[in-house]
Amino acid sequence: MPSEVEILLVDDSPEDVELTVLALRRSKICNKIQIAEDGVEALDYLFCRGSYKDRSFCFPPKLILLDLKLPKVDGMEVLRTIRADARTRTIPVVILTSSKEQNDVIDGYNLGVNAYIQKPVDFEKFSDTIRQVGMFWMLINQAPPAGQAPLARASTAGGSVPSA
C-alpha cells in the first residue's frame, strides 16, 4: 500500500523548499512531504495524471502549502482548480508566498484559501512560522473525513432553503 502524503509543498524555489522541509522535519510534524516545482506538477499529482497516473486518488494530501509565483500554472489557478473539484475542495490550502500584493490576499480568500502567509525573510522566523502552520493544520485542525465534502448550503432572505 502506498504511503499517505501528509503535505504537498508547491514551490519552485529550491532554497524555500529546503527551508520548509527542514523546518517541518525539525518539528517532527509530518513524515511524508511531496514536492511539486510548478503548478502543472501539483495538479498532476493531485488529480493522478501525467507522471502520477499510477497514484491512487484515495490518498490526498492532508495539507497543501502553495506558493503563488509558479511556472507553467500560477498558484491562483492551482487554487481555483482545487476548489472547483469536489474531490479536493476540502483539502486545507495555505498560501505561503513572498507576495505582499493586497490583491493576491483578496483573490486567495475569494478562491477559498484557508490561510495566507507571507514568507518571513529571517530563517528563525520562517522556521517558526512553518512549525506553527504545521502544528495547526496537521495536529490541531479537525478535517472532514476523506471523501466527505461538505454540502453547499443555500439560503434565502426568508431563511428557507429552496427545494431541488
N, C-alpha and C. Protein backbone atom coordinates (compact mmCIF):
# COMPACT_ATOMS: atom_id res chain seq x y z
N MET A 1 0.85 -1.18 0.00
CA MET A 1 0.00 0.00 0.00
C MET A 1 0.89 1.23 0.00
N PRO A 2 0.61 2.23 -0.89
CA PRO A 2 1.43 3.42 -0.93
C PRO A 2 1.27 4.23 0.35
N SER A 3 2.33 4.93 0.72
CA SER A 3 2.24 5.73 1.93
C SER A 3 1.46 7.01 1.67
N GLU A 4 0.77 7.45 2.67
CA GLU A 4 -0.06 8.63 2.56
C GLU A 4 0.80 9.88 2.66
N VAL A 5 0.65 10.78 1.66
CA VAL A 5 1.36 12.05 1.69
C VAL A 5 0.62 12.97 2.63
N GLU A 6 1.33 13.53 3.55
CA GLU A 6 0.70 14.41 4.51
C GLU A 6 0.69 15.86 4.04
N ILE A 7 1.77 16.28 3.38
CA ILE A 7 1.85 17.66 2.90
C ILE A 7 2.32 17.67 1.45
N LEU A 8 1.60 18.42 0.63
CA LEU A 8 2.04 18.71 -0.73
C LEU A 8 2.60 20.12 -0.69
N LEU A 9 3.89 20.25 -0.94
CA LEU A 9 4.57 21.54 -0.94
C LEU A 9 4.78 21.95 -2.39
N VAL A 10 4.16 23.05 -2.79
CA VAL A 10 4.23 23.53 -4.17
C VAL A 10 5.03 24.82 -4.18
N ASP A 11 6.28 24.72 -4.63
CA ASP A 11 7.18 25.87 -4.62
C ASP A 11 8.29 25.63 -5.62
N ASP A 12 8.64 26.65 -6.38
CA ASP A 12 9.68 26.50 -7.39
C ASP A 12 11.05 26.97 -6.91
N SER A 13 11.14 27.45 -5.68
CA SER A 13 12.41 27.91 -5.13
C SER A 13 13.07 26.79 -4.35
N PRO A 14 14.19 26.25 -4.86
CA PRO A 14 14.87 25.17 -4.13
C PRO A 14 15.25 25.57 -2.71
N GLU A 15 15.62 26.83 -2.52
CA GLU A 15 16.01 27.29 -1.18
C GLU A 15 14.81 27.27 -0.24
N ASP A 16 13.66 27.78 -0.71
CA ASP A 16 12.46 27.79 0.14
C ASP A 16 11.96 26.38 0.42
N VAL A 17 12.06 25.50 -0.57
CA VAL A 17 11.67 24.10 -0.36
C VAL A 17 12.56 23.49 0.72
N GLU A 18 13.86 23.70 0.60
CA GLU A 18 14.79 23.13 1.58
C GLU A 18 14.50 23.66 2.98
N LEU A 19 14.27 24.96 3.11
CA LEU A 19 13.99 25.55 4.43
C LEU A 19 12.66 25.03 4.99
N THR A 20 11.65 24.91 4.15
CA THR A 20 10.34 24.43 4.60
C THR A 20 10.42 22.98 5.07
N VAL A 21 11.06 22.15 4.27
CA VAL A 21 11.20 20.74 4.65
C VAL A 21 12.02 20.61 5.93
N LEU A 22 13.10 21.36 6.03
CA LEU A 22 13.92 21.34 7.24
C LEU A 22 13.10 21.72 8.47
N ALA A 23 12.32 22.79 8.36
CA ALA A 23 11.50 23.25 9.49
C ALA A 23 10.45 22.21 9.88
N LEU A 24 9.83 21.57 8.88
CA LEU A 24 8.83 20.54 9.18
C LEU A 24 9.47 19.31 9.81
N ARG A 25 10.62 18.91 9.30
CA ARG A 25 11.32 17.73 9.85
C ARG A 25 11.79 18.01 11.29
N ARG A 26 12.32 19.19 11.49
CA ARG A 26 12.80 19.57 12.81
C ARG A 26 11.68 19.54 13.85
N SER A 27 10.49 19.94 13.42
CA SER A 27 9.34 19.97 14.32
C SER A 27 8.67 18.61 14.48
N LYS A 28 9.10 17.63 13.66
CA LYS A 28 8.52 16.28 13.69
C LYS A 28 7.00 16.31 13.52
N ILE A 29 6.55 17.16 12.58
CA ILE A 29 5.12 17.34 12.36
C ILE A 29 4.57 16.33 11.37
N CYS A 30 5.34 15.98 10.37
CA CYS A 30 4.83 15.05 9.37
C CYS A 30 5.94 14.14 8.89
N ASN A 31 5.55 13.03 8.28
CA ASN A 31 6.51 12.05 7.80
C ASN A 31 6.74 12.13 6.30
N LYS A 32 5.70 12.39 5.54
CA LYS A 32 5.79 12.32 4.08
C LYS A 32 5.43 13.67 3.46
N ILE A 33 6.37 14.25 2.74
CA ILE A 33 6.17 15.51 2.05
C ILE A 33 6.41 15.28 0.57
N GLN A 34 5.46 15.67 -0.25
CA GLN A 34 5.61 15.60 -1.71
C GLN A 34 5.91 17.00 -2.21
N ILE A 35 6.92 17.13 -3.04
CA ILE A 35 7.30 18.43 -3.60
C ILE A 35 6.81 18.51 -5.03
N ALA A 36 6.20 19.64 -5.38
CA ALA A 36 5.85 19.95 -6.76
C ALA A 36 6.52 21.28 -7.09
N GLU A 37 7.27 21.33 -8.18
CA GLU A 37 8.05 22.51 -8.52
C GLU A 37 7.30 23.51 -9.38
N ASP A 38 6.11 23.15 -9.85
CA ASP A 38 5.31 24.09 -10.64
C ASP A 38 3.84 23.70 -10.51
N GLY A 39 2.97 24.56 -11.03
CA GLY A 39 1.54 24.32 -10.92
C GLY A 39 1.05 23.09 -11.66
N VAL A 40 1.64 22.80 -12.81
CA VAL A 40 1.24 21.62 -13.57
C VAL A 40 1.56 20.35 -12.79
N GLU A 41 2.75 20.29 -12.22
CA GLU A 41 3.12 19.11 -11.43
C GLU A 41 2.20 18.94 -10.23
N ALA A 42 1.85 20.05 -9.57
CA ALA A 42 0.95 19.98 -8.42
C ALA A 42 -0.41 19.42 -8.82
N LEU A 43 -0.96 19.91 -9.93
CA LEU A 43 -2.26 19.43 -10.38
C LEU A 43 -2.19 17.99 -10.88
N ASP A 44 -1.10 17.64 -11.55
CA ASP A 44 -0.92 16.25 -11.98
C ASP A 44 -0.88 15.33 -10.77
N TYR A 45 -0.17 15.73 -9.72
CA TYR A 45 -0.11 14.91 -8.51
C TYR A 45 -1.50 14.77 -7.89
N LEU A 46 -2.17 15.90 -7.68
CA LEU A 46 -3.48 15.87 -7.03
C LEU A 46 -4.51 15.05 -7.79
N PHE A 47 -4.49 15.18 -9.12
CA PHE A 47 -5.53 14.54 -9.93
C PHE A 47 -5.05 13.26 -10.63
N CYS A 48 -3.90 12.75 -10.19
CA CYS A 48 -3.39 11.44 -10.64
C CYS A 48 -3.30 11.36 -12.16
N ARG A 49 -2.57 12.28 -12.73
CA ARG A 49 -2.39 12.28 -14.18
C ARG A 49 -0.92 12.51 -14.51
N GLY A 50 -0.58 12.42 -15.79
CA GLY A 50 0.81 12.59 -16.20
C GLY A 50 1.70 11.57 -15.52
N SER A 51 2.82 12.01 -14.98
CA SER A 51 3.75 11.08 -14.34
C SER A 51 3.21 10.49 -13.04
N TYR A 52 2.06 10.98 -12.58
CA TYR A 52 1.42 10.46 -11.35
C TYR A 52 0.17 9.65 -11.66
N LYS A 53 0.01 9.20 -12.90
CA LYS A 53 -1.21 8.50 -13.30
C LYS A 53 -1.42 7.19 -12.54
N ASP A 54 -0.37 6.60 -11.99
CA ASP A 54 -0.50 5.36 -11.24
C ASP A 54 -0.75 5.59 -9.75
N ARG A 55 -0.77 6.83 -9.33
CA ARG A 55 -1.04 7.17 -7.93
C ARG A 55 -2.53 7.01 -7.65
N SER A 56 -2.87 6.56 -6.47
CA SER A 56 -4.27 6.39 -6.10
C SER A 56 -4.84 7.70 -5.57
N PHE A 57 -6.03 8.03 -6.04
CA PHE A 57 -6.69 9.23 -5.56
C PHE A 57 -7.21 9.06 -4.14
N CYS A 58 -7.13 7.86 -3.62
CA CYS A 58 -7.59 7.56 -2.26
C CYS A 58 -6.72 8.21 -1.19
N PHE A 59 -5.57 8.74 -1.58
CA PHE A 59 -4.63 9.29 -0.60
C PHE A 59 -4.32 10.75 -0.90
N PRO A 60 -5.30 11.65 -0.73
CA PRO A 60 -5.00 13.06 -0.96
C PRO A 60 -4.12 13.60 0.17
N PRO A 61 -3.37 14.65 -0.09
CA PRO A 61 -2.57 15.22 0.99
C PRO A 61 -3.47 15.81 2.08
N LYS A 62 -2.96 15.87 3.28
CA LYS A 62 -3.72 16.46 4.38
C LYS A 62 -3.63 17.97 4.38
N LEU A 63 -2.60 18.51 3.71
CA LEU A 63 -2.36 19.95 3.66
C LEU A 63 -1.59 20.28 2.39
N ILE A 64 -1.93 21.41 1.78
CA ILE A 64 -1.18 21.91 0.64
C ILE A 64 -0.59 23.26 1.01
N LEU A 65 0.73 23.37 0.91
CA LEU A 65 1.43 24.65 1.08
C LEU A 65 1.73 25.14 -0.33
N LEU A 66 1.16 26.27 -0.70
CA LEU A 66 1.14 26.71 -2.09
C LEU A 66 1.77 28.08 -2.27
N ASP A 67 2.82 28.13 -3.08
CA ASP A 67 3.39 29.41 -3.49
C ASP A 67 2.52 29.97 -4.61
N LEU A 68 2.55 31.28 -4.82
CA LEU A 68 1.74 31.89 -5.87
C LEU A 68 2.49 32.02 -7.19
N LYS A 69 3.72 32.46 -7.10
CA LYS A 69 4.50 32.75 -8.31
C LYS A 69 5.17 31.48 -8.79
N LEU A 70 4.42 30.70 -9.58
CA LEU A 70 4.89 29.41 -10.06
C LEU A 70 5.00 29.41 -11.58
N PRO A 71 5.93 28.62 -12.12
CA PRO A 71 5.98 28.47 -13.57
C PRO A 71 4.83 27.57 -14.06
N LYS A 72 4.53 27.69 -15.33
CA LYS A 72 3.54 26.89 -16.07
C LYS A 72 2.11 27.24 -15.69
N VAL A 73 1.71 27.00 -14.45
CA VAL A 73 0.38 27.37 -13.96
C VAL A 73 0.60 28.06 -12.62
N ASP A 74 0.09 29.29 -12.47
CA ASP A 74 0.36 30.03 -11.23
C ASP A 74 -0.49 29.50 -10.07
N GLY A 75 -0.11 29.92 -8.87
CA GLY A 75 -0.75 29.41 -7.66
C GLY A 75 -2.24 29.68 -7.57
N MET A 76 -2.68 30.84 -8.06
CA MET A 76 -4.12 31.15 -8.01
C MET A 76 -4.91 30.18 -8.89
N GLU A 77 -4.36 29.83 -10.03
CA GLU A 77 -5.06 28.88 -10.91
C GLU A 77 -5.06 27.48 -10.28
N VAL A 78 -3.97 27.12 -9.62
CA VAL A 78 -3.93 25.83 -8.90
C VAL A 78 -5.03 25.83 -7.83
N LEU A 79 -5.11 26.90 -7.06
CA LEU A 79 -6.13 27.01 -6.02
C LEU A 79 -7.53 26.95 -6.62
N ARG A 80 -7.76 27.67 -7.70
CA ARG A 80 -9.06 27.67 -8.37
C ARG A 80 -9.45 26.24 -8.79
N THR A 81 -8.50 25.50 -9.33
CA THR A 81 -8.75 24.13 -9.78
C THR A 81 -9.04 23.20 -8.61
N ILE A 82 -8.29 23.36 -7.52
CA ILE A 82 -8.50 22.54 -6.32
C ILE A 82 -9.91 22.77 -5.77
N ARG A 83 -10.32 24.01 -5.67
CA ARG A 83 -11.62 24.33 -5.08
C ARG A 83 -12.79 24.00 -6.00
N ALA A 84 -12.54 23.85 -7.30
CA ALA A 84 -13.60 23.55 -8.26
C ALA A 84 -13.95 22.06 -8.30
N ASP A 85 -13.13 21.22 -7.71
CA ASP A 85 -13.35 19.77 -7.78
C ASP A 85 -13.76 19.26 -6.39
N ALA A 86 -14.88 18.56 -6.34
CA ALA A 86 -15.40 18.05 -5.07
C ALA A 86 -14.41 17.14 -4.35
N ARG A 87 -13.56 16.45 -5.11
CA ARG A 87 -12.61 15.51 -4.50
C ARG A 87 -11.49 16.23 -3.74
N THR A 88 -11.19 17.47 -4.09
CA THR A 88 -10.08 18.19 -3.47
C THR A 88 -10.53 19.44 -2.72
N ARG A 89 -11.79 19.76 -2.81
CA ARG A 89 -12.32 21.01 -2.26
C ARG A 89 -12.02 21.21 -0.78
N THR A 90 -12.02 20.13 0.00
CA THR A 90 -11.86 20.29 1.45
C THR A 90 -10.42 20.17 1.93
N ILE A 91 -9.48 19.92 1.02
CA ILE A 91 -8.08 19.86 1.45
C ILE A 91 -7.66 21.26 1.88
N PRO A 92 -7.14 21.41 3.09
CA PRO A 92 -6.68 22.74 3.51
C PRO A 92 -5.53 23.22 2.61
N VAL A 93 -5.65 24.46 2.15
CA VAL A 93 -4.62 25.08 1.33
C VAL A 93 -4.15 26.34 2.04
N VAL A 94 -2.84 26.42 2.27
CA VAL A 94 -2.23 27.60 2.86
C VAL A 94 -1.32 28.21 1.80
N ILE A 95 -1.61 29.44 1.43
CA ILE A 95 -0.72 30.16 0.52
C ILE A 95 0.48 30.60 1.35
N LEU A 96 1.65 30.22 0.89
CA LEU A 96 2.91 30.56 1.54
C LEU A 96 3.77 31.21 0.46
N THR A 97 3.83 32.54 0.48
CA THR A 97 4.41 33.27 -0.63
C THR A 97 5.19 34.49 -0.16
N SER A 98 6.01 35.01 -1.04
CA SER A 98 6.73 36.25 -0.74
C SER A 98 5.93 37.47 -1.18
N SER A 99 4.80 37.25 -1.85
CA SER A 99 3.99 38.35 -2.37
C SER A 99 3.38 39.19 -1.24
N LYS A 100 3.52 40.50 -1.37
CA LYS A 100 2.91 41.43 -0.44
C LYS A 100 1.69 42.11 -1.07
N GLU A 101 1.32 41.67 -2.27
CA GLU A 101 0.23 42.29 -3.01
C GLU A 101 -1.11 42.06 -2.32
N GLN A 102 -1.79 43.16 -1.99
CA GLN A 102 -3.09 43.06 -1.34
C GLN A 102 -4.09 42.31 -2.23
N ASN A 103 -4.00 42.50 -3.53
CA ASN A 103 -4.90 41.79 -4.45
C ASN A 103 -4.70 40.28 -4.38
N ASP A 104 -3.47 39.83 -4.15
CA ASP A 104 -3.22 38.39 -4.01
C ASP A 104 -3.92 37.85 -2.76
N VAL A 105 -3.87 38.61 -1.68
CA VAL A 105 -4.54 38.18 -0.45
C VAL A 105 -6.05 38.09 -0.69
N ILE A 106 -6.61 39.14 -1.28
CA ILE A 106 -8.05 39.17 -1.54
C ILE A 106 -8.45 38.05 -2.49
N ASP A 107 -7.72 37.91 -3.59
CA ASP A 107 -8.03 36.86 -4.57
C ASP A 107 -7.93 35.47 -3.94
N GLY A 108 -6.90 35.27 -3.13
CA GLY A 108 -6.73 33.97 -2.47
C GLY A 108 -7.93 33.62 -1.60
N TYR A 109 -8.36 34.55 -0.78
CA TYR A 109 -9.51 34.27 0.08
C TYR A 109 -10.80 34.13 -0.72
N ASN A 110 -10.94 34.92 -1.78
CA ASN A 110 -12.13 34.77 -2.63
C ASN A 110 -12.18 33.41 -3.30
N LEU A 111 -11.03 32.81 -3.55
CA LEU A 111 -10.98 31.48 -4.16
C LEU A 111 -11.04 30.35 -3.13
N GLY A 112 -11.05 30.69 -1.85
CA GLY A 112 -11.24 29.67 -0.83
C GLY A 112 -9.99 29.18 -0.12
N VAL A 113 -8.90 29.98 -0.13
CA VAL A 113 -7.71 29.57 0.61
C VAL A 113 -8.03 29.55 2.10
N ASN A 114 -7.40 28.67 2.83
CA ASN A 114 -7.63 28.58 4.27
C ASN A 114 -6.79 29.56 5.07
N ALA A 115 -5.61 29.91 4.54
CA ALA A 115 -4.74 30.87 5.21
C ALA A 115 -3.78 31.45 4.18
N TYR A 116 -3.35 32.68 4.43
CA TYR A 116 -2.41 33.37 3.55
C TYR A 116 -1.26 33.85 4.42
N ILE A 117 -0.06 33.37 4.14
CA ILE A 117 1.11 33.72 4.94
C ILE A 117 2.21 34.24 4.05
N GLN A 118 2.71 35.41 4.41
CA GLN A 118 3.87 35.94 3.69
C GLN A 118 5.12 35.31 4.31
N LYS A 119 5.98 34.78 3.45
CA LYS A 119 7.20 34.11 3.92
C LYS A 119 8.10 35.12 4.63
N PRO A 120 8.43 34.84 5.88
CA PRO A 120 9.40 35.69 6.57
C PRO A 120 10.78 35.51 5.93
N VAL A 121 11.57 36.59 5.92
CA VAL A 121 12.91 36.53 5.33
C VAL A 121 13.90 35.88 6.29
N ASP A 122 13.77 36.16 7.56
CA ASP A 122 14.66 35.63 8.59
C ASP A 122 14.42 34.12 8.77
N PHE A 123 15.51 33.33 8.78
CA PHE A 123 15.37 31.87 8.86
C PHE A 123 14.63 31.44 10.12
N GLU A 124 14.96 32.00 11.27
CA GLU A 124 14.31 31.58 12.52
C GLU A 124 12.82 31.88 12.49
N LYS A 125 12.45 33.05 11.97
CA LYS A 125 11.03 33.40 11.86
C LYS A 125 10.33 32.50 10.85
N PHE A 126 11.02 32.22 9.74
CA PHE A 126 10.46 31.33 8.73
C PHE A 126 10.23 29.94 9.32
N SER A 127 11.22 29.43 10.03
CA SER A 127 11.14 28.11 10.64
C SER A 127 10.00 28.06 11.66
N ASP A 128 9.87 29.10 12.47
CA ASP A 128 8.81 29.14 13.48
C ASP A 128 7.44 29.22 12.82
N THR A 129 7.34 29.99 11.74
CA THR A 129 6.07 30.10 11.02
C THR A 129 5.66 28.74 10.46
N ILE A 130 6.58 28.04 9.83
CA ILE A 130 6.29 26.71 9.27
C ILE A 130 5.88 25.75 10.38
N ARG A 131 6.57 25.80 11.50
CA ARG A 131 6.24 24.94 12.63
C ARG A 131 4.81 25.20 13.10
N GLN A 132 4.45 26.47 13.24
CA GLN A 132 3.10 26.82 13.71
C GLN A 132 2.03 26.39 12.70
N VAL A 133 2.29 26.63 11.42
CA VAL A 133 1.35 26.21 10.38
C VAL A 133 1.17 24.70 10.42
N GLY A 134 2.27 23.98 10.47
CA GLY A 134 2.20 22.53 10.51
C GLY A 134 1.48 22.02 11.74
N MET A 135 1.79 22.59 12.89
CA MET A 135 1.13 22.17 14.13
C MET A 135 -0.38 22.33 14.04
N PHE A 136 -0.81 23.50 13.55
CA PHE A 136 -2.24 23.74 13.48
C PHE A 136 -2.93 22.80 12.49
N TRP A 137 -2.45 22.79 11.26
CA TRP A 137 -3.16 22.04 10.21
C TRP A 137 -2.99 20.53 10.31
N MET A 138 -1.88 20.08 10.86
CA MET A 138 -1.64 18.63 10.92
C MET A 138 -2.09 18.02 12.25
N LEU A 139 -2.02 18.78 13.34
CA LEU A 139 -2.29 18.20 14.65
C LEU A 139 -3.54 18.74 15.34
N ILE A 140 -3.87 20.01 15.15
CA ILE A 140 -4.97 20.63 15.88
C ILE A 140 -6.27 20.64 15.09
N ASN A 141 -6.19 21.04 13.83
CA ASN A 141 -7.39 21.17 13.00
C ASN A 141 -8.09 19.82 12.81
N GLN A 142 -9.41 19.84 12.89
CA GLN A 142 -10.21 18.64 12.64
C GLN A 142 -10.77 18.73 11.23
N ALA A 143 -10.25 17.93 10.33
CA ALA A 143 -10.69 17.93 8.93
C ALA A 143 -11.86 16.97 8.76
N PRO A 144 -12.67 17.19 7.71
CA PRO A 144 -13.74 16.21 7.44
C PRO A 144 -13.12 14.90 7.00
N PRO A 145 -13.83 13.79 7.19
CA PRO A 145 -13.30 12.50 6.74
C PRO A 145 -12.99 12.53 5.25
N ALA A 146 -12.00 11.79 4.84
CA ALA A 146 -11.61 11.75 3.43
C ALA A 146 -12.80 11.41 2.55
N GLY A 147 -12.95 12.18 1.48
CA GLY A 147 -14.03 11.94 0.54
C GLY A 147 -15.38 12.47 0.99
N GLN A 148 -15.42 13.15 2.11
CA GLN A 148 -16.69 13.67 2.63
C GLN A 148 -16.72 15.19 2.51
N ALA A 149 -16.93 15.68 1.31
CA ALA A 149 -17.01 17.12 1.10
C ALA A 149 -18.29 17.66 1.72
N PRO A 150 -18.21 18.79 2.42
CA PRO A 150 -19.42 19.37 2.99
C PRO A 150 -20.36 19.83 1.87
N LEU A 151 -21.64 19.74 2.12
CA LEU A 151 -22.62 20.20 1.14
C LEU A 151 -22.70 21.71 1.17
N ALA A 152 -22.86 22.30 0.01
CA ALA A 152 -23.05 23.75 -0.06
C ALA A 152 -24.41 24.06 0.54
N ARG A 153 -24.47 25.10 1.31
CA ARG A 153 -25.73 25.49 1.93
C ARG A 153 -26.27 26.71 1.20
N ALA A 154 -27.53 26.65 0.88
CA ALA A 154 -28.18 27.77 0.23
C ALA A 154 -29.24 28.31 1.16
N SER A 155 -29.40 29.61 1.16
CA SER A 155 -30.46 30.20 1.96
C SER A 155 -31.00 31.41 1.24
N THR A 156 -32.19 31.80 1.62
CA THR A 156 -32.81 32.98 1.05
C THR A 156 -33.02 33.97 2.18
N ALA A 157 -33.45 35.17 1.83
CA ALA A 157 -33.67 36.20 2.84
C ALA A 157 -34.68 35.76 3.87
N GLY A 158 -35.66 34.96 3.48
CA GLY A 158 -36.69 34.49 4.40
C GLY A 158 -36.21 33.36 5.29
N GLY A 159 -35.00 32.86 5.05
CA GLY A 159 -34.46 31.82 5.90
C GLY A 159 -34.78 30.41 5.43
N SER A 160 -35.59 30.26 4.41
CA SER A 160 -35.89 28.91 3.94
C SER A 160 -34.92 28.51 2.85
N VAL A 161 -34.74 27.23 2.74
CA VAL A 161 -33.84 26.68 1.73
C VAL A 161 -34.70 26.15 0.60
N PRO A 162 -34.47 26.64 -0.64
CA PRO A 162 -35.29 26.15 -1.76
C PRO A 162 -35.08 24.67 -1.97
N SER A 163 -36.14 23.96 -2.32
CA SER A 163 -36.01 22.52 -2.58
C SER A 163 -35.58 22.31 -4.01
N ALA A 164 -34.88 21.21 -4.22
CA ALA A 164 -34.36 20.91 -5.56
C ALA A 164 -35.34 20.09 -6.34
